[in-house]
N, C-alpha and C. Protein backbone atom coordinates (compact mmCIF):
# COMPACT_ATOMS: atom_id res chain seq x y z
N MET A 1 2.05 16.54 3.06
CA MET A 1 2.14 15.27 3.06
C MET A 1 3.59 14.91 2.46
N GLY A 2 4.65 14.10 2.93
CA GLY A 2 5.46 13.71 2.05
C GLY A 2 4.43 12.05 2.29
N ILE A 3 5.98 11.36 1.22
CA ILE A 3 4.74 10.48 0.04
C ILE A 3 5.16 9.09 1.16
N TRP A 4 6.41 8.93 2.27
CA TRP A 4 6.84 7.99 2.37
C TRP A 4 5.27 8.30 4.22
N ARG A 5 5.11 9.29 4.57
CA ARG A 5 4.53 9.31 5.43
C ARG A 5 2.54 9.06 4.79
N GLN A 6 2.52 9.80 3.75
CA GLN A 6 0.92 8.87 3.52
C GLN A 6 1.22 7.42 2.83
N LEU A 7 2.83 6.83 2.75
CA LEU A 7 1.64 5.58 2.41
C LEU A 7 2.45 4.72 4.04
N ALA A 8 3.06 5.05 4.73
CA ALA A 8 2.77 4.79 6.51
C ALA A 8 1.53 4.73 7.05
N GLU A 9 0.33 5.48 6.06
CA GLU A 9 -0.57 6.24 6.72
C GLU A 9 -1.65 5.09 6.10
N TYR A 10 -1.70 4.68 4.96
CA TYR A 10 -2.04 3.65 4.15
C TYR A 10 -2.07 2.79 4.70
N LEU A 11 -0.82 2.18 4.85
CA LEU A 11 -0.83 0.69 5.93
C LEU A 11 -0.88 0.42 7.09
N TYR A 12 -1.09 1.34 8.04
CA TYR A 12 -1.60 1.20 8.61
C TYR A 12 -0.54 1.65 10.11
N ILE A 13 0.77 1.87 9.65
CA ILE A 13 1.70 2.38 10.36
C ILE A 13 1.82 3.50 11.01
N LYS A 14 1.11 4.62 10.90
CA LYS A 14 1.42 5.91 11.82
C LYS A 14 -0.23 6.31 10.91
N LYS A 15 -0.50 7.05 12.76
CA LYS A 15 -1.40 7.22 12.80
C LYS A 15 -1.89 9.01 11.49
N LYS A 16 -3.34 8.62 11.27
CA LYS A 16 -3.36 10.14 10.82
C LYS A 16 -3.36 10.91 11.35
N ASP A 17 -2.94 12.34 10.07
CA ASP A 17 -3.06 14.11 10.27
C ASP A 17 -4.03 13.81 11.17
N PRO A 18 -5.05 14.60 12.31
CA PRO A 18 -5.92 15.01 13.08
C PRO A 18 -6.32 16.53 11.96
N LYS A 19 -5.72 17.17 11.72
CA LYS A 19 -6.03 18.24 10.65
C LYS A 19 -6.43 17.94 9.40
N ALA A 20 -6.42 16.62 9.02
CA ALA A 20 -6.69 16.71 7.13
C ALA A 20 -8.09 16.92 6.74
N PRO A 21 -8.68 17.02 6.23
CA PRO A 21 -9.96 16.58 5.83
C PRO A 21 -10.29 14.96 5.84
N THR A 22 -11.67 15.44 6.99
CA THR A 22 -12.02 13.87 5.91
C THR A 22 -13.37 13.27 5.45
N THR A 23 -13.45 13.26 4.11
CA THR A 23 -14.53 13.27 3.51
C THR A 23 -14.96 12.06 2.51
N THR A 24 -16.16 11.32 2.57
CA THR A 24 -16.53 9.76 2.14
C THR A 24 -15.26 9.32 0.91
N TRP A 25 -15.24 10.78 -0.01
CA TRP A 25 -14.18 10.12 -0.92
C TRP A 25 -12.56 9.68 -0.79
N ILE A 26 -12.36 11.08 -0.08
CA ILE A 26 -10.95 10.58 0.35
C ILE A 26 -10.90 9.48 1.47
N LYS A 27 -11.60 8.75 1.89
CA LYS A 27 -12.23 7.75 2.06
C LYS A 27 -11.87 6.66 1.46
N TYR A 28 -12.88 6.47 0.37
CA TYR A 28 -12.78 6.05 -0.46
C TYR A 28 -11.34 5.93 -1.50
N MET A 29 -10.88 7.20 -1.88
CA MET A 29 -9.76 6.85 -2.60
C MET A 29 -8.19 5.77 -1.61
N HIS A 30 -8.29 6.23 -0.49
CA HIS A 30 -7.99 5.57 0.07
C HIS A 30 -7.74 4.21 0.40
N GLY A 31 -9.11 3.90 0.68
CA GLY A 31 -9.05 2.55 0.53
C GLY A 31 -8.18 2.07 -0.52
N ILE A 32 -8.69 2.62 -1.65
CA ILE A 32 -8.58 1.55 -2.93
C ILE A 32 -6.86 1.79 -3.17
N ASN A 33 -6.50 3.27 -2.73
CA ASN A 33 -4.64 3.28 -2.51
C ASN A 33 -4.21 1.46 -2.01
N ARG A 34 -4.78 2.00 -1.48
CA ARG A 34 -4.40 0.71 0.13
C ARG A 34 -4.56 -0.81 -0.59
N ILE A 35 -5.79 -1.40 -1.19
CA ILE A 35 -5.43 -2.58 -2.28
C ILE A 35 -4.52 -2.72 -2.86
N SER A 36 -4.33 -1.19 -3.43
CA SER A 36 -3.68 -1.43 -4.88
C SER A 36 -2.17 -1.38 -4.16
N ILE A 37 -1.63 -1.38 -3.53
CA ILE A 37 -0.64 -1.13 -2.58
C ILE A 37 -0.31 -3.00 -1.89
N PHE A 38 -1.12 -3.42 -1.38
CA PHE A 38 -0.72 -4.64 -1.07
C PHE A 38 -0.88 -5.22 -2.06
N MET A 39 -1.68 -5.57 -3.38
CA MET A 39 -1.73 -5.91 -4.47
C MET A 39 -0.60 -5.79 -5.25
N PHE A 40 0.12 -4.38 -5.23
CA PHE A 40 1.22 -4.95 -5.65
C PHE A 40 2.50 -5.27 -4.89
N LEU A 41 2.80 -5.36 -3.17
CA LEU A 41 3.62 -6.40 -2.82
C LEU A 41 3.74 -7.63 -2.30
N ALA A 42 1.96 -7.73 -2.86
CA ALA A 42 1.67 -9.50 -3.00
C ALA A 42 2.07 -9.52 -4.22
N ALA A 43 2.22 -9.21 -5.01
CA ALA A 43 2.99 -9.54 -6.81
C ALA A 43 4.22 -9.94 -6.94
N ILE A 44 5.01 -8.31 -6.77
CA ILE A 44 6.71 -8.73 -6.21
C ILE A 44 6.69 -9.99 -5.81
N LEU A 45 5.98 -10.39 -4.47
CA LEU A 45 6.47 -10.86 -3.16
C LEU A 45 6.67 -13.08 -4.69
N PHE A 46 5.38 -12.74 -4.85
CA PHE A 46 5.03 -13.91 -5.59
C PHE A 46 6.15 -13.99 -7.59
N ILE A 47 6.39 -13.02 -7.48
CA ILE A 47 7.31 -12.76 -8.64
C ILE A 47 8.89 -13.42 -8.26
N ILE A 48 9.36 -12.94 -6.91
CA ILE A 48 10.78 -12.99 -6.23
C ILE A 48 10.70 -14.16 -5.89
N ILE A 49 9.41 -15.01 -5.00
CA ILE A 49 9.86 -16.54 -4.27
C ILE A 49 9.39 -17.74 -6.21
N ARG A 50 8.88 -16.68 -7.18
CA ARG A 50 9.08 -17.77 -8.16
C ARG A 50 10.59 -17.80 -9.00
N ALA A 51 10.77 -16.28 -9.02
CA ALA A 51 12.13 -16.58 -8.57
C ALA A 51 13.31 -17.49 -9.03
N LEU A 52 13.32 -17.41 -6.87
CA LEU A 52 14.20 -17.67 -6.66
C LEU A 52 14.05 -19.76 -6.55
N PHE A 53 12.79 -20.53 -6.09
CA PHE A 53 12.63 -21.30 -5.87
C PHE A 53 11.90 -22.52 -6.52
N PHE A 54 11.75 -21.48 -7.96
CA PHE A 54 10.57 -22.42 -9.31
C PHE A 54 11.49 -22.34 -10.40
N HIS A 55 13.11 -22.03 -10.76
CA HIS A 55 13.32 -20.76 -12.18
C HIS A 55 13.85 -22.13 -12.53
N ARG A 56 14.14 -22.65 -14.37
CA ARG A 56 14.02 -23.45 -14.62
C ARG A 56 15.59 -23.64 -15.02
N HIS A 57 16.76 -24.36 -15.19
CA HIS A 57 17.53 -24.17 -15.80
C HIS A 57 18.42 -24.58 -17.31
């Protein structure tokens, strides 16, 4: 499985592979990965907004 497909599955852009095994631990791992991706994207967005609008001269 490619990294872009896996990322798309975490963000609910692409449907999960029906052949992939599903266990409780994999669900927990995917949930934690999804939270970390959203936090990373929020931090990047915050840094960009702060750099564009609140920079000091």
